[in-house]
């Protein structure tokens, strides 16, 4: 019975008549990015799929921080935080600046903060 309900619900999501609009299809096809760019974009968004990394980003959206301060704030050991920061750094999400023996982390640019904030705004609607 559940399969029949799914079929009925899914049938509401499709056109009842097959009628393509070549001008529309061509217009949107012309604006599509390359296949490898879709793959790269998918990999980029995977970075945001880890709660610990998102917590780190949320902190760095407030203020630049060192590993010790991030670890203390999130109640995580420094190794865990360092591993996540390494992933974020490798994907150009965060950067760091050495200050003596300390490294202070920040978001690479405003785009990263915007992605985080727009995602948060979306789930809070």
PDB file of N, CA and C in Angstrom:
ATOM      1  N   UNK A   1       0.821  -1.201   0.000  1.00  0.00           N
ATOM      2  CA  UNK A   1       0.000   0.000   0.000  1.00  0.00           C
ATOM      3  C   UNK A   1       0.865   1.265   0.000  1.00  0.00           C
ATOM      4  N   UNK A   2       1.971   1.230   0.751  1.00  0.00           N
ATOM      5  CA  UNK A   2       2.855   2.393   0.803  1.00  0.00           C
ATOM      6  C   UNK A   2       3.426   2.712  -0.566  1.00  0.00           C
ATOM      7  N   UNK A   3       3.741   1.663  -1.361  1.00  0.00           N
ATOM      8  CA  UNK A   3       4.270   1.894  -2.705  1.00  0.00           C
ATOM      9  C   UNK A   3       3.255   2.603  -3.589  1.00  0.00           C
ATOM     10  N   UNK A   4       1.989   2.234  -3.467  1.00  0.00           N
ATOM     11  CA  UNK A   4       0.934   2.876  -4.258  1.00  0.00           C
ATOM     12  C   UNK A   4       0.813   4.351  -3.873  1.00  0.00           C
ATOM     13  N   UNK A   5       0.905   4.650  -2.569  1.00  0.00           N
ATOM     14  CA  UNK A   5       0.842   6.040  -2.116  1.00  0.00           C
ATOM     15  C   UNK A   5       2.017   6.837  -2.646  1.00  0.00           C
ATOM     16  N   UNK A   6       3.216   6.237  -2.635  1.00  0.00           N
ATOM     17  CA  UNK A   6       4.387   6.923  -3.172  1.00  0.00           C
ATOM     18  C   UNK A   6       4.213   7.210  -4.648  1.00  0.00           C
ATOM     19  N   UNK A   7       3.672   6.256  -5.396  1.00  0.00           N
ATOM     20  CA  UNK A   7       3.441   6.465  -6.825  1.00  0.00           C
ATOM     21  C   UNK A   7       2.454   7.599  -7.044  1.00  0.00           C
ATOM     22  N   UNK A   8       1.398   7.605  -6.248  1.00  0.00           N
ATOM     23  CA  UNK A   8       0.403   8.669  -6.386  1.00  0.00           C
ATOM     24  C   UNK A   8       1.007  10.020  -6.036  1.00  0.00           C
ATOM     25  N   UNK A   9       1.796  10.093  -4.964  1.00  0.00           N
ATOM     26  CA  UNK A   9       2.430  11.348  -4.578  1.00  0.00           C
ATOM     27  C   UNK A   9       3.444  11.795  -5.614  1.00  0.00           C
ATOM     28  N   UNK A  10       4.230  10.855  -6.137  1.00  0.00           N
ATOM     29  CA  UNK A  10       5.240  11.201  -7.133  1.00  0.00           C
ATOM     30  C   UNK A  10       4.607  11.664  -8.431  1.00  0.00           C
ATOM     31  N   UNK A  11       3.436  11.112  -8.787  1.00  0.00           N
ATOM     32  CA  UNK A  11       2.811  11.498 -10.045  1.00  0.00           C
ATOM     33  C   UNK A  11       2.363  12.953 -10.020  1.00  0.00           C
ATOM     34  N   UNK A  12       2.207  13.520  -8.859  1.00  0.00           N
ATOM     35  CA  UNK A  12       1.839  14.931  -8.742  1.00  0.00           C
ATOM     36  C   UNK A  12       3.025  15.840  -9.044  1.00  0.00           C
ATOM     37  N   UNK A  13       4.229  15.271  -8.985  1.00  0.00           N
ATOM     38  CA  UNK A  13       5.449  16.058  -9.177  1.00  0.00           C
ATOM     39  C   UNK A  13       5.911  16.119 -10.619  1.00  0.00           C
ATOM     40  N   UNK A  14       5.198  15.491 -11.528  1.00  0.00           N
ATOM     41  CA  UNK A  14       5.610  15.466 -12.931  1.00  0.00           C
ATOM     42  C   UNK A  14       4.542  16.118 -13.791  1.00  0.00           C
ATOM     43  N   UNK A  15       4.959  16.536 -14.983  1.00  0.00           N
ATOM     44  CA  UNK A  15       4.001  17.105 -15.933  1.00  0.00           C
ATOM     45  C   UNK A  15       3.024  16.020 -16.361  1.00  0.00           C
ATOM     46  N   UNK A  16       1.811  16.404 -16.588  1.00  0.00           N
ATOM     47  CA  UNK A  16       0.807  15.448 -17.040  1.00  0.00           C
ATOM     48  C   UNK A  16       0.875  15.252 -18.546  1.00  0.00           C
ATOM     49  N   UNK A  17       1.589  16.129 -19.228  1.00  0.00           N
ATOM     50  CA  UNK A  17       1.755  16.029 -20.670  1.00  0.00           C
ATOM     51  C   UNK A  17       3.219  16.333 -20.997  1.00  0.00           C
ATOM     52  N   UNK A  18       3.778  15.570 -21.950  1.00  0.00           N
ATOM     53  CA  UNK A  18       5.166  15.794 -22.339  1.00  0.00           C
ATOM     54  C   UNK A  18       5.200  16.908 -23.376  1.00  0.00           C
ATOM     55  N   UNK A  19       5.798  18.022 -22.983  1.00  0.00           N
ATOM     56  CA  UNK A  19       5.866  19.179 -23.866  1.00  0.00           C
ATOM     57  C   UNK A  19       7.096  19.990 -23.464  1.00  0.00           C
ATOM     58  N   UNK A  20       8.205  19.747 -24.161  1.00  0.00           N
ATOM     59  CA  UNK A  20       9.415  20.486 -23.816  1.00  0.00           C
ATOM     60  C   UNK A  20       9.381  21.863 -24.462  1.00  0.00           C
ATOM     61  N   UNK A  21      10.164  22.743 -23.905  1.00  0.00           N
ATOM     62  CA  UNK A  21      10.263  24.119 -24.387  1.00  0.00           C
ATOM     63  C   UNK A  21      11.709  24.352 -24.807  1.00  0.00           C
ATOM     64  N   UNK A  22      12.017  24.129 -26.081  1.00  0.00           N
ATOM     65  CA  UNK A  22      13.411  24.195 -26.553  1.00  0.00           C
ATOM     66  C   UNK A  22      14.131  25.487 -26.193  1.00  0.00           C
ATOM     67  N   UNK A  23      13.456  26.608 -26.235  1.00  0.00           N
ATOM     68  CA  UNK A  23      14.103  27.875 -25.894  1.00  0.00           C
ATOM     69  C   UNK A  23      14.540  27.888 -24.429  1.00  0.00           C
ATOM     70  N   UNK A  24      13.695  27.362 -23.568  1.00  0.00           N
ATOM     71  CA  UNK A  24      14.022  27.295 -22.141  1.00  0.00           C
ATOM     72  C   UNK A  24      15.159  26.303 -21.909  1.00  0.00           C
ATOM     73  N   UNK A  25      15.063  25.125 -22.523  1.00  0.00           N
ATOM     74  CA  UNK A  25      16.091  24.103 -22.372  1.00  0.00           C
ATOM     75  C   UNK A  25      17.438  24.649 -22.840  1.00  0.00           C
ATOM     76  N   UNK A  26      17.482  25.287 -23.976  1.00  0.00           N
ATOM     77  CA  UNK A  26      18.735  25.846 -24.497  1.00  0.00           C
ATOM     78  C   UNK A  26      19.279  26.948 -23.595  1.00  0.00           C
ATOM     79  N   UNK A  27      18.387  27.776 -23.077  1.00  0.00           N
ATOM     80  CA  UNK A  27      18.811  28.878 -22.212  1.00  0.00           C
ATOM     81  C   UNK A  27      19.474  28.356 -20.941  1.00  0.00           C
ATOM     82  N   UNK A  28      18.882  27.342 -20.320  1.00  0.00           N
ATOM     83  CA  UNK A  28      19.466  26.829 -19.079  1.00  0.00           C
ATOM     84  C   UNK A  28      20.698  25.972 -19.355  1.00  0.00           C
ATOM     85  N   UNK A  29      20.700  25.245 -20.476  1.00  0.00           N
ATOM     86  CA  UNK A  29      21.882  24.456 -20.842  1.00  0.00           C
ATOM     87  C   UNK A  29      23.093  25.355 -21.040  1.00  0.00           C
ATOM     88  N   UNK A  30      22.876  26.505 -21.648  1.00  0.00           N
ATOM     89  CA  UNK A  30      23.965  27.453 -21.898  1.00  0.00           C
ATOM     90  C   UNK A  30      24.579  27.981 -20.605  1.00  0.00           C
ATOM     91  N   UNK A  31      23.820  27.957 -19.530  1.00  0.00           N
ATOM     92  CA  UNK A  31      24.298  28.511 -18.259  1.00  0.00           C
ATOM     93  C   UNK A  31      24.854  27.452 -17.311  1.00  0.00           C
ATOM     94  N   UNK A  32      24.774  26.183 -17.702  1.00  0.00           N
ATOM     95  CA  UNK A  32      25.305  25.112 -16.856  1.00  0.00           C
ATOM     96  C   UNK A  32      26.822  25.180 -16.835  1.00  0.00           C
ATOM     97  N   UNK A  33      27.389  24.784 -15.701  1.00  0.00           N
ATOM     98  CA  UNK A  33      28.849  24.741 -15.585  1.00  0.00           C
ATOM     99  C   UNK A  33      29.343  23.392 -16.091  1.00  0.00           C
ATOM    100  N   UNK A  34      30.654  23.249 -16.187  1.00  0.00           N
ATOM    101  CA  UNK A  34      31.254  22.002 -16.671  1.00  0.00           C
ATOM    102  C   UNK A  34      31.060  20.882 -15.648  1.00  0.00           C
ATOM    103  N   UNK A  35      31.064  19.643 -16.131  1.00  0.00           N
ATOM    104  CA  UNK A  35      30.853  18.469 -15.277  1.00  0.00           C
ATOM    105  C   UNK A  35      31.878  18.405 -14.142  1.00  0.00           C
ATOM    106  N   UNK A  36      33.152  18.688 -14.447  1.00  0.00           N
ATOM    107  CA  UNK A  36      34.179  18.636 -13.403  1.00  0.00           C
ATOM    108  C   UNK A  36      33.959  19.728 -12.351  1.00  0.00           C
ATOM    109  N   UNK A  37      33.336  20.830 -12.743  1.00  0.00           N
ATOM    110  CA  UNK A  37      33.026  21.887 -11.776  1.00  0.00           C
ATOM    111  C   UNK A  37      31.912  21.451 -10.831  1.00  0.00           C
ATOM    112  N   UNK A  38      30.935  20.687 -11.346  1.00  0.00           N
ATOM    113  CA  UNK A  38      29.896  20.136 -10.461  1.00  0.00           C
ATOM    114  C   UNK A  38      30.525  19.188  -9.448  1.00  0.00           C
ATOM    115  N   UNK A  39      31.460  18.372  -9.895  1.00  0.00           N
ATOM    116  CA  UNK A  39      32.137  17.432  -8.986  1.00  0.00           C
ATOM    117  C   UNK A  39      32.929  18.186  -7.927  1.00  0.00           C
ATOM    118  N   UNK A  40      33.635  19.219  -8.354  1.00  0.00           N
ATOM    119  CA  UNK A  40      34.420  20.022  -7.417  1.00  0.00           C
ATOM    120  C   UNK A  40      33.516  20.728  -6.410  1.00  0.00           C
ATOM    121  N   UNK A  41      32.394  21.220  -6.875  1.00  0.00           N
ATOM    122  CA  UNK A  41      31.435  21.890  -5.996  1.00  0.00           C
ATOM    123  C   UNK A  41      30.844  20.908  -4.984  1.00  0.00           C
ATOM    124  N   UNK A  42      30.544  19.691  -5.442  1.00  0.00           N
ATOM    125  CA  UNK A  42      30.014  18.666  -4.530  1.00  0.00           C
ATOM    126  C   UNK A  42      31.036  18.342  -3.445  1.00  0.00           C
ATOM    127  N   UNK A  43      32.306  18.229  -3.822  1.00  0.00           N
ATOM    128  CA  UNK A  43      33.363  17.969  -2.843  1.00  0.00           C
ATOM    129  C   UNK A  43      33.478  19.126  -1.852  1.00  0.00           C
ATOM    130  N   UNK A  44      33.351  20.345  -2.358  1.00  0.00           N
ATOM    131  CA  UNK A  44      33.405  21.528  -1.495  1.00  0.00           C
ATOM    132  C   UNK A  44      32.296  21.481  -0.449  1.00  0.00           C
ATOM    133  N   UNK A  45      31.080  21.154  -0.868  1.00  0.00           N
ATOM    134  CA  UNK A  45      29.967  21.131   0.079  1.00  0.00           C
ATOM    135  C   UNK A  45      30.072  19.973   1.063  1.00  0.00           C
ATOM    136  N   UNK A  46      30.765  18.901   0.701  1.00  0.00           N
ATOM    137  CA  UNK A  46      30.968  17.799   1.647  1.00  0.00           C
ATOM    138  C   UNK A  46      31.729  18.265   2.884  1.00  0.00           C
ATOM    139  N   UNK A  47      32.594  19.240   2.708  1.00  0.00           N
ATOM    140  CA  UNK A  47      33.380  19.768   3.828  1.00  0.00           C
ATOM    141  C   UNK A  47      32.456  20.310   4.910  1.00  0.00           C
ATOM    142  N   UNK A  48      31.330  20.844   4.508  1.00  0.00           N
ATOM    143  CA  UNK A  48      30.382  21.430   5.449  1.00  0.00           C
ATOM    144  C   UNK A  48      29.484  20.365   6.086  1.00  0.00           C
ATOM    145  N   UNK A  49      29.690  19.105   5.738  1.00  0.00           N
ATOM    146  CA  UNK A  49      28.834  18.032   6.218  1.00  0.00           C
ATOM    147  C   UNK A  49      29.292  17.394   7.518  1.00  0.00           C
ATOM    148  N   UNK A  50      30.197  18.023   8.225  1.00  0.00           N
ATOM    149  CA  UNK A  50      30.716  17.476   9.477  1.00  0.00           C
ATOM    150  C   UNK A  50      30.407  18.457  10.610  1.00  0.00           C
ATOM    151  N   UNK A  51      29.683  18.010  11.647  1.00  0.00           N
ATOM    152  CA  UNK A  51      29.302  18.917  12.735  1.00  0.00           C
ATOM    153  C   UNK A  51      30.482  19.594  13.427  1.00  0.00           C
ATOM    154  N   UNK A  52      31.576  18.875  13.622  1.00  0.00           N
ATOM    155  CA  UNK A  52      32.735  19.484  14.282  1.00  0.00           C
ATOM    156  C   UNK A  52      33.304  20.609  13.434  1.00  0.00           C
ATOM    157  N   UNK A  53      33.430  20.362  12.136  1.00  0.00           N
ATOM    158  CA  UNK A  53      33.937  21.424  11.251  1.00  0.00           C
ATOM    159  C   UNK A  53      32.993  22.619  11.245  1.00  0.00           C
ATOM    160  N   UNK A  54      31.691  22.360  11.265  1.00  0.00           N
ATOM    161  CA  UNK A  54      30.730  23.471  11.307  1.00  0.00           C
ATOM    162  C   UNK A  54      30.851  24.265  12.605  1.00  0.00           C
ATOM    163  N   UNK A  55      31.084  23.586  13.697  1.00  0.00           N
ATOM    164  CA  UNK A  55      31.278  24.281  14.979  1.00  0.00           C
ATOM    165  C   UNK A  55      32.510  25.177  14.900  1.00  0.00           C
ATOM    166  N   UNK A  56      33.576  24.646  14.323  1.00  0.00           N
ATOM    167  CA  UNK A  56      34.798  25.444  14.174  1.00  0.00           C
ATOM    168  C   UNK A  56      34.520  26.662  13.299  1.00  0.00           C
ATOM    169  N   UNK A  57      33.830  26.460  12.198  1.00  0.00           N
ATOM    170  CA  UNK A  57      33.493  27.587  11.316  1.00  0.00           C
ATOM    171  C   UNK A  57      32.636  28.616  12.039  1.00  0.00           C
ATOM    172  N   UNK A  58      31.708  28.138  12.859  1.00  0.00           N
ATOM    173  CA  UNK A  58      30.837  29.081  13.579  1.00  0.00           C
ATOM    174  C   UNK A  58      31.650  29.959  14.518  1.00  0.00           C
ATOM    175  N   UNK A  59      32.680  29.371  15.159  1.00  0.00           N
ATOM    176  CA  UNK A  59      33.539  30.154  16.050  1.00  0.00           C
ATOM    177  C   UNK A  59      34.378  31.156  15.261  1.00  0.00           C
ATOM    178  N   UNK A  60      34.932  30.690  14.140  1.00  0.00           N
ATOM    179  CA  UNK A  60      35.799  31.562  13.345  1.00  0.00           C
ATOM    180  C   UNK A  60      35.006  32.648  12.624  1.00  0.00           C
ATOM    181  N   UNK A  61      33.703  32.464  12.501  1.00  0.00           N
ATOM    182  CA  UNK A  61      32.853  33.515  11.946  1.00  0.00           C
ATOM    183  C   UNK A  61      32.695  34.651  12.954  1.00  0.00           C
ATOM    184  N   UNK A  62      32.963  34.355  14.219  1.00  0.00           N
ATOM    185  CA  UNK A  62      32.882  35.358  15.282  1.00  0.00           C
ATOM    186  C   UNK A  62      34.222  36.048  15.485  1.00  0.00           C
ATOM    187  N   UNK A  63      35.296  35.212  15.522  1.00  0.00           N
ATOM    188  CA  UNK A  63      36.611  35.765  15.843  1.00  0.00           C
ATOM    189  C   UNK A  63      37.706  34.792  15.416  1.00  0.00           C
ATOM    190  N   UNK A  64      38.854  35.311  15.047  1.00  0.00           N
ATOM    191  CA  UNK A  64      40.020  34.482  14.758  1.00  0.00           C
ATOM    192  C   UNK A  64      40.483  33.842  16.065  1.00  0.00           C
ATOM    193  N   UNK A  65      40.828  32.561  16.008  1.00  0.00           N
ATOM    194  CA  UNK A  65      41.165  31.822  17.230  1.00  0.00           C
ATOM    195  C   UNK A  65      42.342  30.882  17.009  1.00  0.00           C
ATOM    196  N   UNK A  66      43.026  30.560  18.094  1.00  0.00           N
ATOM    197  CA  UNK A  66      44.080  29.545  18.044  1.00  0.00           C
ATOM    198  C   UNK A  66      43.461  28.181  18.374  1.00  0.00           C
ATOM    199  N   UNK A  67      44.219  27.131  18.113  1.00  0.00           N
ATOM    200  CA  UNK A  67      43.737  25.772  18.353  1.00  0.00           C
ATOM    201  C   UNK A  67      43.341  25.579  19.815  1.00  0.00           C
ATOM    202  N   UNK A  68      44.131  26.122  20.724  1.00  0.00           N
ATOM    203  CA  UNK A  68      43.843  25.972  22.161  1.00  0.00           C
ATOM    204  C   UNK A  68      42.477  26.553  22.514  1.00  0.00           C
ATOM    205  N   UNK A  69      42.187  27.744  21.988  1.00  0.00           N
ATOM    206  CA  UNK A  69      40.899  28.389  22.294  1.00  0.00           C
ATOM    207  C   UNK A  69      39.734  27.635  21.654  1.00  0.00           C
ATOM    208  N   UNK A  70      39.931  27.129  20.443  1.00  0.00           N
ATOM    209  CA  UNK A  70      38.880  26.341  19.783  1.00  0.00           C
ATOM    210  C   UNK A  70      38.632  25.061  20.580  1.00  0.00           C
ATOM    211  N   UNK A  71      39.703  24.390  20.981  1.00  0.00           N
ATOM    212  CA  UNK A  71      39.592  23.151  21.757  1.00  0.00           C
ATOM    213  C   UNK A  71      38.847  23.375  23.061  1.00  0.00           C
ATOM    214  N   UNK A  72      39.215  24.439  23.755  1.00  0.00           N
ATOM    215  CA  UNK A  72      38.577  24.755  25.038  1.00  0.00           C
ATOM    216  C   UNK A  72      37.101  25.086  24.848  1.00  0.00           C
ATOM    217  N   UNK A  73      36.802  25.890  23.852  1.00  0.00           N
ATOM    218  CA  UNK A  73      35.418  26.309  23.610  1.00  0.00           C
ATOM    219  C   UNK A  73      34.527  25.118  23.263  1.00  0.00           C
ATOM    220  N   UNK A  74      35.046  24.217  22.426  1.00  0.00           N
ATOM    221  CA  UNK A  74      34.249  23.075  21.972  1.00  0.00           C
ATOM    222  C   UNK A  74      34.403  21.841  22.860  1.00  0.00           C
ATOM    223  N   UNK A  75      35.253  21.948  23.892  1.00  0.00           N
ATOM    224  CA  UNK A  75      35.506  20.821  24.788  1.00  0.00           C
ATOM    225  C   UNK A  75      35.990  19.591  24.007  1.00  0.00           C
ATOM    226  N   UNK A  76      36.940  19.839  23.107  1.00  0.00           N
ATOM    227  CA  UNK A  76      37.547  18.777  22.307  1.00  0.00           C
ATOM    228  C   UNK A  76      39.052  18.803  22.512  1.00  0.00           C
ATOM    229  N   UNK A  77      39.711  17.663  22.286  1.00  0.00           N
ATOM    230  CA  UNK A  77      41.163  17.676  22.419  1.00  0.00           C
ATOM    231  C   UNK A  77      41.783  18.366  21.204  1.00  0.00           C
ATOM    232  N   UNK A  78      42.996  18.835  21.380  1.00  0.00           N
ATOM    233  CA  UNK A  78      43.664  19.614  20.333  1.00  0.00           C
ATOM    234  C   UNK A  78      43.924  18.785  19.077  1.00  0.00           C
ATOM    235  N   UNK A  79      44.147  17.492  19.235  1.00  0.00           N
ATOM    236  CA  UNK A  79      44.389  16.637  18.077  1.00  0.00           C
ATOM    237  C   UNK A  79      43.161  16.599  17.168  1.00  0.00           C
ATOM    238  N   UNK A  80      41.989  16.453  17.771  1.00  0.00           N
ATOM    239  CA  UNK A  80      40.747  16.444  16.994  1.00  0.00           C
ATOM    240  C   UNK A  80      40.567  17.756  16.261  1.00  0.00           C
ATOM    241  N   UNK A  81      40.754  18.849  16.954  1.00  0.00           N
ATOM    242  CA  UNK A  81      40.599  20.177  16.343  1.00  0.00           C
ATOM    243  C   UNK A  81      41.632  20.377  15.242  1.00  0.00           C
ATOM    244  N   UNK A  82      42.867  19.997  15.506  1.00  0.00           N
ATOM    245  CA  UNK A  82      43.926  20.146  14.502  1.00  0.00           C
ATOM    246  C   UNK A  82      43.628  19.345  13.241  1.00  0.00           C
ATOM    247  N   UNK A  83      43.120  18.131  13.421  1.00  0.00           N
ATOM    248  CA  UNK A  83      42.769  17.306  12.260  1.00  0.00           C
ATOM    249  C   UNK A  83      41.677  17.962  11.417  1.00  0.00           C
ATOM    250  N   UNK A  84      40.679  18.510  12.077  1.00  0.00           N
ATOM    251  CA  UNK A  84      39.591  19.180  11.340  1.00  0.00           C
ATOM    252  C   UNK A  84      40.090  20.462  10.669  1.00  0.00           C
ATOM    253  N   UNK A  85      40.941  21.186  11.363  1.00  0.00           N
ATOM    254  CA  UNK A  85      41.512  22.403  10.774  1.00  0.00           C
ATOM    255  C   UNK A  85      42.381  22.073   9.562  1.00  0.00           C
ATOM    256  N   UNK A  86      43.076  20.960   9.619  1.00  0.00           N
ATOM    257  CA  UNK A  86      43.912  20.534   8.490  1.00  0.00           C
ATOM    258  C   UNK A  86      43.039  20.297   7.258  1.00  0.00           C
ATOM    259  N   UNK A  87      41.886  19.649   7.450  1.00  0.00           N
ATOM    260  CA  UNK A  87      40.950  19.410   6.355  1.00  0.00           C
ATOM    261  C   UNK A  87      40.413  20.737   5.817  1.00  0.00           C
ATOM    262  N   UNK A  88      40.028  21.619   6.722  1.00  0.00           N
ATOM    263  CA  UNK A  88      39.506  22.930   6.309  1.00  0.00           C
ATOM    264  C   UNK A  88      40.568  23.740   5.577  1.00  0.00           C
ATOM    265  N   UNK A  89      41.779  23.671   6.046  1.00  0.00           N
ATOM    266  CA  UNK A  89      42.889  24.399   5.421  1.00  0.00           C
ATOM    267  C   UNK A  89      43.184  23.830   4.030  1.00  0.00           C
ATOM    268  N   UNK A  90      43.201  22.518   3.898  1.00  0.00           N
ATOM    269  CA  UNK A  90      43.486  21.856   2.625  1.00  0.00           C
ATOM    270  C   UNK A  90      42.438  22.198   1.566  1.00  0.00           C
ATOM    271  N   UNK A  91      41.247  22.557   2.019  1.00  0.00           N
ATOM    272  CA  UNK A  91      40.165  22.895   1.101  1.00  0.00           C
ATOM    273  C   UNK A  91      39.927  24.398   1.000  1.00  0.00           C
ATOM    274  N   UNK A  92      40.897  25.165   1.478  1.00  0.00           N
ATOM    275  CA  UNK A  92      40.860  26.625   1.375  1.00  0.00           C
ATOM    276  C   UNK A  92      39.640  27.249   2.061  1.00  0.00           C
ATOM    277  N   UNK A  93      39.255  26.653   3.184  1.00  0.00           N
ATOM    278  CA  UNK A  93      38.129  27.166   3.970  1.00  0.00           C
ATOM    279  C   UNK A  93      38.651  28.058   5.097  1.00  0.00           C
ATOM    280  N   UNK A  94      39.754  27.650   5.695  1.00  0.00           N
ATOM    281  CA  UNK A  94      40.395  28.454   6.735  1.00  0.00           C
ATOM    282  C   UNK A  94      41.859  28.664   6.364  1.00  0.00           C
ATOM    283  N   UNK A  95      42.432  29.659   6.995  1.00  0.00           N
ATOM    284  CA  UNK A  95      43.859  29.942   6.847  1.00  0.00           C
ATOM    285  C   UNK A  95      44.392  30.233   8.239  1.00  0.00           C
ATOM    286  N   UNK A  96      45.694  30.267   8.359  1.00  0.00           N
ATOM    287  CA  UNK A  96      46.264  30.595   9.669  1.00  0.00           C
ATOM    288  C   UNK A  96      47.450  31.529   9.501  1.00  0.00           C
ATOM    289  N   UNK A  97      47.720  32.224  10.593  1.00  0.00           N
ATOM    290  CA  UNK A  97      48.878  33.107  10.639  1.00  0.00           C
ATOM    291  C   UNK A  97      49.646  32.768  11.901  1.00  0.00           C
ATOM    292  N   UNK A  98      50.925  32.526  11.741  1.00  0.00           N
ATOM    293  CA  UNK A  98      51.763  32.210  12.896  1.00  0.00           C
ATOM    294  C   UNK A  98      52.036  33.478  13.689  1.00  0.00           C
ATOM    295  N   UNK A  99      51.900  33.351  14.981  1.00  0.00           N
ATOM    296  CA  UNK A  99      52.242  34.432  15.912  1.00  0.00           C
ATOM    297  C   UNK A  99      53.168  33.820  16.952  1.00  0.00           C
ATOM    298  N   UNK A 100      54.454  33.831  16.658  1.00  0.00           N
ATOM    299  CA  UNK A 100      55.415  33.138  17.521  1.00  0.00           C
ATOM    300  C   UNK A 100      55.213  31.642  17.370  1.00  0.00           C
ATOM    301  N   UNK A 101      54.932  30.975  18.493  1.00  0.00           N
ATOM    302  CA  UNK A 101      54.692  29.531  18.459  1.00  0.00           C
ATOM    303  C   UNK A 101      53.206  29.202  18.285  1.00  0.00           C
ATOM    304  N   UNK A 102      52.386  30.216  18.224  1.00  0.00           N
ATOM    305  CA  UNK A 102      50.941  30.023  18.124  1.00  0.00           C
ATOM    306  C   UNK A 102      50.470  30.272  16.691  1.00  0.00           C
ATOM    307  N   UNK A 103      49.457  29.537  16.269  1.00  0.00           N
ATOM    308  CA  UNK A 103      48.823  29.754  14.966  1.00  0.00           C
ATOM    309  C   UNK A 103      47.396  30.225  15.205  1.00  0.00           C
ATOM    310  N   UNK A 104      47.076  31.366  14.656  1.00  0.00           N
ATOM    311  CA  UNK A 104      45.725  31.925  14.791  1.00  0.00           C
ATOM    312  C   UNK A 104      44.977  31.648  13.493  1.00  0.00           C
ATOM    313  N   UNK A 105      43.827  30.977  13.612  1.00  0.00           N
ATOM    314  CA  UNK A 105      43.028  30.581  12.452  1.00  0.00           C
ATOM    315  C   UNK A 105      41.923  31.590  12.168  1.00  0.00           C
ATOM    316  N   UNK A 106      41.616  31.724  10.876  1.00  0.00           N
ATOM    317  CA  UNK A 106      40.522  32.589  10.439  1.00  0.00           C
ATOM    318  C   UNK A 106      39.903  31.970   9.185  1.00  0.00           C
ATOM    319  N   UNK A 107      38.716  32.428   8.851  1.00  0.00           N
ATOM    320  CA  UNK A 107      38.080  32.002   7.605  1.00  0.00           C
ATOM    321  C   UNK A 107      38.844  32.638   6.447  1.00  0.00           C
ATOM    322  N   UNK A 108      38.943  31.942   5.331  1.00  0.00           N
ATOM    323  CA  UNK A 108      39.734  32.464   4.223  1.00  0.00           C
ATOM    324  C   UNK A 108      39.152  33.737   3.630  1.00  0.00           C
ATOM    325  N   UNK A 109      37.820  33.826   3.593  1.00  0.00           N
ATOM    326  CA  UNK A 109      37.213  35.037   3.053  1.00  0.00           C
ATOM    327  C   UNK A 109      35.741  35.123   3.460  1.00  0.00           C
ATOM    328  N   UNK A 110      35.124  36.192   3.068  1.00  0.00           N
ATOM    329  CA  UNK A 110      33.729  36.454   3.430  1.00  0.00           C
ATOM    330  C   UNK A 110      32.780  35.412   2.844  1.00  0.00           C
ATOM    331  N   UNK A 111      33.143  34.796   1.716  1.00  0.00           N
ATOM    332  CA  UNK A 111      32.275  33.786   1.098  1.00  0.00           C
ATOM    333  C   UNK A 111      32.001  32.629   2.053  1.00  0.00           C
ATOM    334  N   UNK A 112      33.017  32.197   2.754  1.00  0.00           N
ATOM    335  CA  UNK A 112      32.870  31.065   3.676  1.00  0.00           C
ATOM    336  C   UNK A 112      31.906  31.428   4.795  1.00  0.00           C
ATOM    337  N   UNK A 113      32.063  32.617   5.341  1.00  0.00           N
ATOM    338  CA  UNK A 113      31.145  33.074   6.391  1.00  0.00           C
ATOM    339  C   UNK A 113      29.722  33.161   5.855  1.00  0.00           C
ATOM    340  N   UNK A 114      29.574  33.648   4.647  1.00  0.00           N
ATOM    341  CA  UNK A 114      28.245  33.764   4.041  1.00  0.00           C
ATOM    342  C   UNK A 114      27.601  32.401   3.826  1.00  0.00           C
ATOM    343  N   UNK A 115      28.380  31.422   3.363  1.00  0.00           N
ATOM    344  CA  UNK A 115      27.849  30.067   3.160  1.00  0.00           C
ATOM    345  C   UNK A 115      27.348  29.513   4.478  1.00  0.00           C
ATOM    346  N   UNK A 116      28.143  29.668   5.527  1.00  0.00           N
ATOM    347  CA  UNK A 116      27.744  29.191   6.850  1.00  0.00           C
ATOM    348  C   UNK A 116      26.458  29.897   7.314  1.00  0.00           C
ATOM    349  N   UNK A 117      26.446  31.215   7.225  1.00  0.00           N
ATOM    350  CA  UNK A 117      25.308  31.986   7.737  1.00  0.00           C
ATOM    351  C   UNK A 117      24.035  31.750   6.931  1.00  0.00           C
ATOM    352  N   UNK A 118      24.149  31.609   5.626  1.00  0.00           N
ATOM    353  CA  UNK A 118      22.962  31.352   4.800  1.00  0.00           C
ATOM    354  C   UNK A 118      22.413  29.963   5.111  1.00  0.00           C
ATOM    355  N   UNK A 119      23.302  28.978   5.283  1.00  0.00           N
ATOM    356  CA  UNK A 119      22.853  27.641   5.654  1.00  0.00           C
ATOM    357  C   UNK A 119      22.137  27.639   6.988  1.00  0.00           C
ATOM    358  N   UNK A 120      22.702  28.342   7.948  1.00  0.00           N
ATOM    359  CA  UNK A 120      22.082  28.443   9.271  1.00  0.00           C
ATOM    360  C   UNK A 120      20.728  29.142   9.182  1.00  0.00           C
ATOM    361  N   UNK A 121      20.681  30.213   8.450  1.00  0.00           N
ATOM    362  CA  UNK A 121      19.430  30.956   8.265  1.00  0.00           C
ATOM    363  C   UNK A 121      18.360  30.059   7.657  1.00  0.00           C
ATOM    364  N   UNK A 122      18.751  29.241   6.695  1.00  0.00           N
ATOM    365  CA  UNK A 122      17.809  28.346   6.025  1.00  0.00           C
ATOM    366  C   UNK A 122      17.202  27.349   7.002  1.00  0.00           C
ATOM    367  N   UNK A 123      18.032  26.728   7.840  1.00  0.00           N
ATOM    368  CA  UNK A 123      17.486  25.717   8.757  1.00  0.00           C
ATOM    369  C   UNK A 123      16.692  26.332   9.903  1.00  0.00           C
ATOM    370  N   UNK A 124      16.913  27.622  10.175  1.00  0.00           N
ATOM    371  CA  UNK A 124      16.178  28.278  11.258  1.00  0.00           C
ATOM    372  C   UNK A 124      14.842  28.867  10.794  1.00  0.00           C
ATOM    373  N   UNK A 125      14.559  28.812   9.497  1.00  0.00           N
ATOM    374  CA  UNK A 125      13.288  29.374   8.977  1.00  0.00           C
ATOM    375  C   UNK A 125      12.102  28.661   9.591  1.00  0.00           C
TER     376      UNK A 125
END
